[in-house]
Amino acid sequence: MLTAILFFLVASTLSQSAQQSADVKELSGLENVWNNAHLRGDADTLESLWSEDLILQVTNMRPMTKAEALSMLRSSQMKFTWYDTSSLRIQVYGDVAVVTGRLDRIRESPQDNIVTDKFQFTKVYIRRSAKWQVVAWHASTTGR
């Protein structure tokens, strides 16, 4: 009986570990989708990646909803010429995942100014109907 219980516990742990590894791989790919969509100005891709209740918060800006952020992207108010993340840490907690890392981006402002941003960010994903979506993104400036 004890052997059966130990076998079940080990098998369960291995199964959870394999699922978590698959989730981390999928989320890592979604991070690339996020970055590339910003570079291309692809609001449609971001619209599908963002949850309806998304809140975006960036230093020196007011919080934005999904609709507000999509409106800004579609208006071409902000064009990115560089959008790169590094030092990613992906933690999965069942149907919730937290991604942290660094973001370096270069953008053109509406006044044709070139602006370089260096952020530390936190992004929260939830899995609904087997699909990961971003529900929160916060970026703070960093001095690096």
N, C-alpha and C. Protein backbone atom coordinates (compact mmCIF):
# COMPACT_ATOMS: atom_id res chain seq x y z
N MET A 1 0.82 -1.19 0.00
CA MET A 1 0.00 0.00 0.00
C MET A 1 0.87 1.26 0.00
N LEU A 2 1.91 1.29 0.84
CA LEU A 2 2.80 2.43 0.90
C LEU A 2 3.51 2.65 -0.43
N THR A 3 3.89 1.57 -1.09
CA THR A 3 4.54 1.66 -2.40
C THR A 3 3.60 2.29 -3.42
N ALA A 4 2.34 1.91 -3.38
CA ALA A 4 1.36 2.46 -4.31
C ALA A 4 1.16 3.95 -4.08
N ILE A 5 1.12 4.36 -2.83
CA ILE A 5 0.96 5.78 -2.50
C ILE A 5 2.17 6.58 -2.97
N LEU A 6 3.37 6.05 -2.70
CA LEU A 6 4.59 6.73 -3.15
C LEU A 6 4.64 6.82 -4.67
N PHE A 7 4.25 5.74 -5.35
CA PHE A 7 4.23 5.76 -6.81
C PHE A 7 3.27 6.84 -7.32
N PHE A 8 2.09 6.92 -6.72
CA PHE A 8 1.11 7.92 -7.12
C PHE A 8 1.65 9.34 -6.90
N LEU A 9 2.29 9.57 -5.77
CA LEU A 9 2.83 10.90 -5.48
C LEU A 9 3.94 11.28 -6.46
N VAL A 10 4.82 10.36 -6.77
CA VAL A 10 5.91 10.63 -7.72
C VAL A 10 5.33 10.87 -9.11
N ALA A 11 4.39 10.03 -9.55
CA ALA A 11 3.78 10.19 -10.87
C ALA A 11 3.04 11.52 -10.97
N SER A 12 2.34 11.89 -9.91
CA SER A 12 1.61 13.15 -9.89
C SER A 12 2.56 14.34 -9.98
N THR A 13 3.66 14.28 -9.24
CA THR A 13 4.65 15.34 -9.27
C THR A 13 5.29 15.47 -10.65
N LEU A 14 5.62 14.35 -11.26
CA LEU A 14 6.21 14.38 -12.62
C LEU A 14 5.23 14.95 -13.63
N SER A 15 3.96 14.59 -13.50
CA SER A 15 2.94 15.11 -14.41
C SER A 15 2.78 16.62 -14.26
N GLN A 16 2.76 17.10 -13.02
CA GLN A 16 2.65 18.54 -12.78
C GLN A 16 3.88 19.27 -13.31
N SER A 17 5.04 18.69 -13.14
CA SER A 17 6.28 19.29 -13.62
C SER A 17 6.29 19.39 -15.14
N ALA A 18 5.83 18.35 -15.80
CA ALA A 18 5.77 18.36 -17.27
C ALA A 18 4.79 19.42 -17.76
N GLN A 19 3.63 19.54 -17.10
CA GLN A 19 2.64 20.55 -17.49
C GLN A 19 3.20 21.94 -17.28
N GLN A 20 3.88 22.14 -16.15
CA GLN A 20 4.45 23.46 -15.87
C GLN A 20 5.51 23.81 -16.91
N SER A 21 6.32 22.84 -17.31
CA SER A 21 7.33 23.06 -18.33
C SER A 21 6.69 23.44 -19.67
N ALA A 22 5.61 22.77 -20.02
CA ALA A 22 4.89 23.09 -21.25
C ALA A 22 4.29 24.50 -21.17
N ASP A 23 3.76 24.86 -20.00
CA ASP A 23 3.19 26.19 -19.82
C ASP A 23 4.27 27.27 -19.95
N VAL A 24 5.43 27.04 -19.35
CA VAL A 24 6.53 28.01 -19.43
C VAL A 24 6.95 28.18 -20.88
N LYS A 25 7.03 27.10 -21.63
CA LYS A 25 7.40 27.18 -23.04
C LYS A 25 6.35 27.98 -23.82
N GLU A 26 5.08 27.71 -23.57
CA GLU A 26 4.01 28.44 -24.27
C GLU A 26 4.04 29.92 -23.91
N LEU A 27 4.20 30.23 -22.64
CA LEU A 27 4.24 31.63 -22.20
C LEU A 27 5.45 32.36 -22.76
N SER A 28 6.56 31.68 -22.85
CA SER A 28 7.76 32.27 -23.45
C SER A 28 7.48 32.64 -24.91
N GLY A 29 6.80 31.77 -25.61
CA GLY A 29 6.40 32.06 -26.99
C GLY A 29 5.46 33.25 -27.07
N LEU A 30 4.52 33.35 -26.12
CA LEU A 30 3.59 34.48 -26.10
C LEU A 30 4.31 35.79 -25.82
N GLU A 31 5.40 35.73 -25.06
CA GLU A 31 6.20 36.93 -24.85
C GLU A 31 6.79 37.42 -26.17
N ASN A 32 7.23 36.50 -27.01
CA ASN A 32 7.73 36.87 -28.34
C ASN A 32 6.62 37.43 -29.21
N VAL A 33 5.43 36.84 -29.12
CA VAL A 33 4.27 37.35 -29.87
C VAL A 33 3.99 38.79 -29.44
N TRP A 34 4.00 39.05 -28.14
CA TRP A 34 3.77 40.39 -27.58
C TRP A 34 4.77 41.39 -28.16
N ASN A 35 6.06 41.03 -28.09
CA ASN A 35 7.12 41.94 -28.56
C ASN A 35 6.98 42.22 -30.05
N ASN A 36 6.81 41.18 -30.85
CA ASN A 36 6.71 41.35 -32.30
C ASN A 36 5.47 42.15 -32.70
N ALA A 37 4.37 41.94 -31.98
CA ALA A 37 3.14 42.70 -32.28
C ALA A 37 3.36 44.18 -32.02
N HIS A 38 4.09 44.52 -30.96
CA HIS A 38 4.39 45.93 -30.70
C HIS A 38 5.27 46.52 -31.80
N LEU A 39 6.26 45.76 -32.22
CA LEU A 39 7.14 46.25 -33.29
C LEU A 39 6.39 46.48 -34.60
N ARG A 40 5.47 45.61 -34.91
CA ARG A 40 4.71 45.71 -36.17
C ARG A 40 3.50 46.63 -36.04
N GLY A 41 3.19 47.06 -34.82
CA GLY A 41 1.97 47.85 -34.62
C GLY A 41 0.73 47.01 -34.86
N ASP A 42 0.81 45.73 -34.54
CA ASP A 42 -0.25 44.77 -34.82
C ASP A 42 -1.26 44.72 -33.67
N ALA A 43 -2.20 45.64 -33.70
CA ALA A 43 -3.20 45.74 -32.63
C ALA A 43 -4.11 44.52 -32.60
N ASP A 44 -4.37 43.89 -33.74
CA ASP A 44 -5.26 42.73 -33.77
C ASP A 44 -4.67 41.56 -32.97
N THR A 45 -3.37 41.34 -33.12
CA THR A 45 -2.72 40.27 -32.36
C THR A 45 -2.77 40.58 -30.87
N LEU A 46 -2.48 41.81 -30.51
CA LEU A 46 -2.52 42.18 -29.09
C LEU A 46 -3.95 42.10 -28.55
N GLU A 47 -4.91 42.45 -29.36
CA GLU A 47 -6.30 42.36 -28.92
C GLU A 47 -6.66 40.93 -28.52
N SER A 48 -6.18 39.94 -29.26
CA SER A 48 -6.48 38.55 -28.92
C SER A 48 -5.66 38.06 -27.73
N LEU A 49 -4.49 38.66 -27.52
CA LEU A 49 -3.64 38.27 -26.40
C LEU A 49 -4.08 38.90 -25.08
N TRP A 50 -4.74 40.04 -25.17
CA TRP A 50 -5.17 40.77 -23.98
C TRP A 50 -6.57 40.38 -23.56
N SER A 51 -6.74 40.17 -22.26
CA SER A 51 -8.05 39.88 -21.69
C SER A 51 -8.92 41.14 -21.75
N GLU A 52 -10.23 40.96 -21.76
CA GLU A 52 -11.15 42.10 -21.80
C GLU A 52 -10.97 43.01 -20.59
N ASP A 53 -10.53 42.45 -19.46
CA ASP A 53 -10.38 43.25 -18.25
C ASP A 53 -8.94 43.69 -18.01
N LEU A 54 -8.14 43.72 -19.06
CA LEU A 54 -6.74 44.13 -18.97
C LEU A 54 -6.58 45.54 -18.40
N ILE A 55 -5.56 45.70 -17.56
CA ILE A 55 -5.13 47.01 -17.10
C ILE A 55 -3.64 47.13 -17.40
N LEU A 56 -3.25 48.19 -18.10
CA LEU A 56 -1.85 48.49 -18.40
C LEU A 56 -1.43 49.70 -17.59
N GLN A 57 -0.28 49.60 -16.93
CA GLN A 57 0.23 50.72 -16.15
C GLN A 57 1.71 50.91 -16.46
N VAL A 58 2.04 52.08 -16.97
CA VAL A 58 3.41 52.42 -17.31
C VAL A 58 3.77 53.70 -16.56
N THR A 59 5.01 53.80 -16.11
CA THR A 59 5.49 54.99 -15.41
C THR A 59 5.10 56.26 -16.18
N ASN A 60 4.64 57.26 -15.47
CA ASN A 60 4.28 58.58 -16.01
C ASN A 60 3.07 58.56 -16.94
N MET A 61 2.28 57.50 -16.88
CA MET A 61 1.04 57.45 -17.66
C MET A 61 -0.08 56.99 -16.73
N ARG A 62 -1.28 57.38 -17.06
CA ARG A 62 -2.41 56.90 -16.28
C ARG A 62 -2.70 55.45 -16.67
N PRO A 63 -3.31 54.66 -15.78
CA PRO A 63 -3.67 53.29 -16.15
C PRO A 63 -4.59 53.28 -17.38
N MET A 64 -4.40 52.28 -18.23
CA MET A 64 -5.21 52.16 -19.44
C MET A 64 -5.93 50.82 -19.48
N THR A 65 -7.13 50.84 -20.00
CA THR A 65 -7.88 49.61 -20.24
C THR A 65 -7.46 49.04 -21.59
N LYS A 66 -7.96 47.87 -21.89
CA LYS A 66 -7.69 47.25 -23.18
C LYS A 66 -8.15 48.17 -24.31
N ALA A 67 -9.35 48.68 -24.21
CA ALA A 67 -9.90 49.53 -25.27
C ALA A 67 -9.04 50.78 -25.48
N GLU A 68 -8.61 51.39 -24.39
CA GLU A 68 -7.78 52.60 -24.50
C GLU A 68 -6.43 52.30 -25.13
N ALA A 69 -5.80 51.21 -24.72
CA ALA A 69 -4.50 50.86 -25.27
C ALA A 69 -4.61 50.51 -26.75
N LEU A 70 -5.65 49.77 -27.13
CA LEU A 70 -5.85 49.43 -28.54
C LEU A 70 -6.11 50.68 -29.37
N SER A 71 -6.88 51.60 -28.83
CA SER A 71 -7.15 52.85 -29.54
C SER A 71 -5.86 53.61 -29.79
N MET A 72 -5.00 53.67 -28.78
CA MET A 72 -3.73 54.38 -28.94
C MET A 72 -2.86 53.68 -30.00
N LEU A 73 -2.80 52.35 -29.96
CA LEU A 73 -2.00 51.62 -30.96
C LEU A 73 -2.54 51.83 -32.37
N ARG A 74 -3.85 51.77 -32.50
CA ARG A 74 -4.45 51.90 -33.84
C ARG A 74 -4.36 53.32 -34.39
N SER A 75 -4.19 54.29 -33.51
CA SER A 75 -4.07 55.68 -33.97
C SER A 75 -2.65 56.02 -34.43
N SER A 76 -1.74 55.09 -34.24
CA SER A 76 -0.32 55.28 -34.58
C SER A 76 0.32 56.41 -33.78
N GLN A 77 -0.19 56.68 -32.60
CA GLN A 77 0.41 57.70 -31.73
C GLN A 77 1.80 57.30 -31.28
N MET A 78 2.04 55.99 -31.25
CA MET A 78 3.31 55.49 -30.76
C MET A 78 3.79 54.39 -31.70
N LYS A 79 4.96 54.60 -32.28
CA LYS A 79 5.53 53.59 -33.17
C LYS A 79 6.84 53.12 -32.56
N PHE A 80 6.96 51.80 -32.41
CA PHE A 80 8.16 51.22 -31.83
C PHE A 80 9.14 50.82 -32.92
N THR A 81 10.41 51.16 -32.72
CA THR A 81 11.45 50.72 -33.66
C THR A 81 12.35 49.68 -33.01
N TRP A 82 12.21 49.50 -31.70
CA TRP A 82 12.93 48.47 -30.96
C TRP A 82 12.06 48.07 -29.79
N TYR A 83 11.94 46.76 -29.56
CA TYR A 83 11.12 46.27 -28.45
C TYR A 83 11.70 44.93 -28.04
N ASP A 84 12.49 44.91 -26.96
CA ASP A 84 13.23 43.72 -26.60
C ASP A 84 13.15 43.46 -25.10
N THR A 85 12.83 42.22 -24.74
CA THR A 85 12.79 41.84 -23.34
C THR A 85 13.96 40.92 -23.01
N SER A 86 14.35 40.95 -21.74
CA SER A 86 15.45 40.09 -21.27
C SER A 86 15.21 39.76 -19.80
N SER A 87 16.04 38.88 -19.28
CA SER A 87 15.97 38.47 -17.87
C SER A 87 14.57 38.01 -17.48
N LEU A 88 13.93 37.27 -18.39
CA LEU A 88 12.57 36.81 -18.11
C LEU A 88 12.55 35.76 -17.01
N ARG A 89 11.57 35.88 -16.15
CA ARG A 89 11.29 34.88 -15.13
C ARG A 89 9.80 34.57 -15.24
N ILE A 90 9.50 33.31 -15.50
CA ILE A 90 8.12 32.89 -15.69
C ILE A 90 7.75 31.92 -14.57
N GLN A 91 6.74 32.28 -13.81
CA GLN A 91 6.27 31.45 -12.71
C GLN A 91 4.81 31.10 -12.97
N VAL A 92 4.50 29.81 -12.93
CA VAL A 92 3.15 29.34 -13.21
C VAL A 92 2.53 28.81 -11.92
N TYR A 93 1.31 29.27 -11.66
CA TYR A 93 0.55 28.85 -10.49
C TYR A 93 -0.81 28.34 -10.96
N GLY A 94 -0.83 27.16 -11.54
CA GLY A 94 -2.07 26.61 -12.07
C GLY A 94 -2.49 27.38 -13.31
N ASP A 95 -3.62 28.08 -13.22
CA ASP A 95 -4.13 28.85 -14.36
C ASP A 95 -3.76 30.33 -14.30
N VAL A 96 -2.77 30.66 -13.47
CA VAL A 96 -2.24 32.01 -13.38
C VAL A 96 -0.73 31.94 -13.56
N ALA A 97 -0.19 32.90 -14.30
CA ALA A 97 1.26 32.97 -14.47
C ALA A 97 1.72 34.41 -14.31
N VAL A 98 2.90 34.56 -13.74
CA VAL A 98 3.50 35.88 -13.55
C VAL A 98 4.82 35.88 -14.31
N VAL A 99 4.97 36.86 -15.19
CA VAL A 99 6.20 37.01 -15.97
C VAL A 99 6.84 38.33 -15.56
N THR A 100 8.10 38.28 -15.19
CA THR A 100 8.83 39.50 -14.87
C THR A 100 10.07 39.56 -15.76
N GLY A 101 10.56 40.76 -15.97
CA GLY A 101 11.76 40.91 -16.78
C GLY A 101 12.08 42.37 -17.03
N ARG A 102 12.98 42.56 -17.96
CA ARG A 102 13.39 43.91 -18.38
C ARG A 102 12.92 44.15 -19.80
N LEU A 103 12.56 45.36 -20.07
CA LEU A 103 12.12 45.76 -21.40
C LEU A 103 12.91 46.98 -21.83
N ASP A 104 13.54 46.88 -22.98
CA ASP A 104 14.18 48.03 -23.62
C ASP A 104 13.41 48.29 -24.91
N ARG A 105 12.98 49.51 -25.08
CA ARG A 105 12.25 49.84 -26.31
C ARG A 105 12.63 51.23 -26.78
N ILE A 106 12.52 51.42 -28.07
CA ILE A 106 12.72 52.74 -28.68
C ILE A 106 11.45 53.04 -29.44
N ARG A 107 10.95 54.24 -29.24
CA ARG A 107 9.69 54.63 -29.89
C ARG A 107 9.78 56.04 -30.42
N GLU A 108 8.94 56.29 -31.39
CA GLU A 108 8.79 57.63 -31.92
C GLU A 108 7.53 58.22 -31.33
N SER A 109 7.65 59.41 -30.77
CA SER A 109 6.49 60.07 -30.19
C SER A 109 5.73 60.81 -31.29
N PRO A 110 4.51 61.26 -30.99
CA PRO A 110 3.74 62.00 -32.00
C PRO A 110 4.45 63.25 -32.53
N GLN A 111 5.37 63.80 -31.75
CA GLN A 111 6.11 64.98 -32.19
C GLN A 111 7.40 64.60 -32.92
N ASP A 112 7.50 63.34 -33.36
CA ASP A 112 8.68 62.82 -34.07
C ASP A 112 9.94 62.82 -33.21
N ASN A 113 9.77 62.79 -31.90
CA ASN A 113 10.91 62.64 -31.00
C ASN A 113 11.21 61.16 -30.83
N ILE A 114 12.47 60.83 -30.73
CA ILE A 114 12.88 59.45 -30.46
C ILE A 114 13.04 59.31 -28.94
N VAL A 115 12.36 58.33 -28.37
CA VAL A 115 12.38 58.12 -26.92
C VAL A 115 12.85 56.70 -26.63
N THR A 116 13.79 56.58 -25.72
CA THR A 116 14.27 55.27 -25.27
C THR A 116 13.71 55.00 -23.89
N ASP A 117 13.07 53.85 -23.74
CA ASP A 117 12.51 53.45 -22.45
C ASP A 117 13.26 52.22 -21.95
N LYS A 118 13.55 52.22 -20.67
CA LYS A 118 14.14 51.07 -20.00
C LYS A 118 13.25 50.77 -18.80
N PHE A 119 12.60 49.61 -18.84
CA PHE A 119 11.64 49.25 -17.81
C PHE A 119 11.98 47.93 -17.14
N GLN A 120 11.51 47.80 -15.94
CA GLN A 120 11.35 46.51 -15.26
C GLN A 120 9.85 46.27 -15.31
N PHE A 121 9.42 45.07 -15.72
CA PHE A 121 7.98 44.86 -15.87
C PHE A 121 7.50 43.61 -15.16
N THR A 122 6.22 43.63 -14.87
CA THR A 122 5.50 42.48 -14.35
C THR A 122 4.24 42.31 -15.19
N LYS A 123 4.04 41.11 -15.65
CA LYS A 123 2.87 40.80 -16.48
C LYS A 123 2.16 39.61 -15.86
N VAL A 124 0.83 39.68 -15.78
CA VAL A 124 0.04 38.59 -15.22
C VAL A 124 -0.84 38.01 -16.32
N TYR A 125 -0.69 36.71 -16.51
CA TYR A 125 -1.52 35.96 -17.46
C TYR A 125 -2.51 35.10 -16.66
N ILE A 126 -3.68 34.88 -17.25
CA ILE A 126 -4.59 33.86 -16.74
C ILE A 126 -4.96 32.95 -17.90
N ARG A 127 -5.26 31.70 -17.57
CA ARG A 127 -5.68 30.75 -18.59
C ARG A 127 -7.18 30.58 -18.48
N ARG A 128 -7.87 30.96 -19.55
CA ARG A 128 -9.32 30.79 -19.63
C ARG A 128 -9.61 29.95 -20.87
N SER A 129 -10.39 28.93 -20.69
CA SER A 129 -10.74 28.04 -21.82
C SER A 129 -9.49 27.60 -22.57
N ALA A 130 -8.47 27.20 -21.84
CA ALA A 130 -7.21 26.67 -22.38
C ALA A 130 -6.40 27.71 -23.16
N LYS A 131 -6.70 29.00 -22.99
CA LYS A 131 -5.97 30.06 -23.69
C LYS A 131 -5.41 31.05 -22.67
N TRP A 132 -4.10 31.32 -22.77
CA TRP A 132 -3.47 32.31 -21.90
C TRP A 132 -3.76 33.72 -22.42
N GLN A 133 -4.14 34.61 -21.51
CA GLN A 133 -4.34 36.02 -21.84
C GLN A 133 -3.76 36.89 -20.74
N VAL A 134 -3.30 38.07 -21.14
CA VAL A 134 -2.73 39.02 -20.20
C VAL A 134 -3.86 39.81 -19.55
N VAL A 135 -3.85 39.86 -18.20
CA VAL A 135 -4.85 40.63 -17.46
C VAL A 135 -4.26 41.88 -16.82
N ALA A 136 -2.93 41.89 -16.65
CA ALA A 136 -2.30 43.06 -16.05
C ALA A 136 -0.86 43.16 -16.52
N TRP A 137 -0.44 44.40 -16.78
CA TRP A 137 0.95 44.68 -17.15
C TRP A 137 1.35 45.97 -16.49
N HIS A 138 2.47 45.92 -15.77
CA HIS A 138 2.99 47.10 -15.10
C HIS A 138 4.45 47.25 -15.45
N ALA A 139 4.85 48.45 -15.84
CA ALA A 139 6.25 48.71 -16.17
C ALA A 139 6.71 49.97 -15.43
N SER A 140 7.86 49.83 -14.78
CA SER A 140 8.47 50.95 -14.06
C SER A 140 9.84 51.24 -14.66
N THR A 141 10.17 52.51 -14.73
CA THR A 141 11.48 52.88 -15.28
C THR A 141 12.59 52.35 -14.38
N THR A 142 13.70 52.07 -15.01
CA THR A 142 14.86 51.57 -14.29
C THR A 142 16.07 52.40 -14.70
N GLY A 143 17.00 52.52 -13.83
CA GLY A 143 18.16 53.36 -14.09
C GLY A 143 19.30 52.66 -14.81
N ARG A 144 19.08 51.48 -15.32
CA ARG A 144 20.19 50.76 -15.95
C ARG A 144 20.46 51.23 -17.34
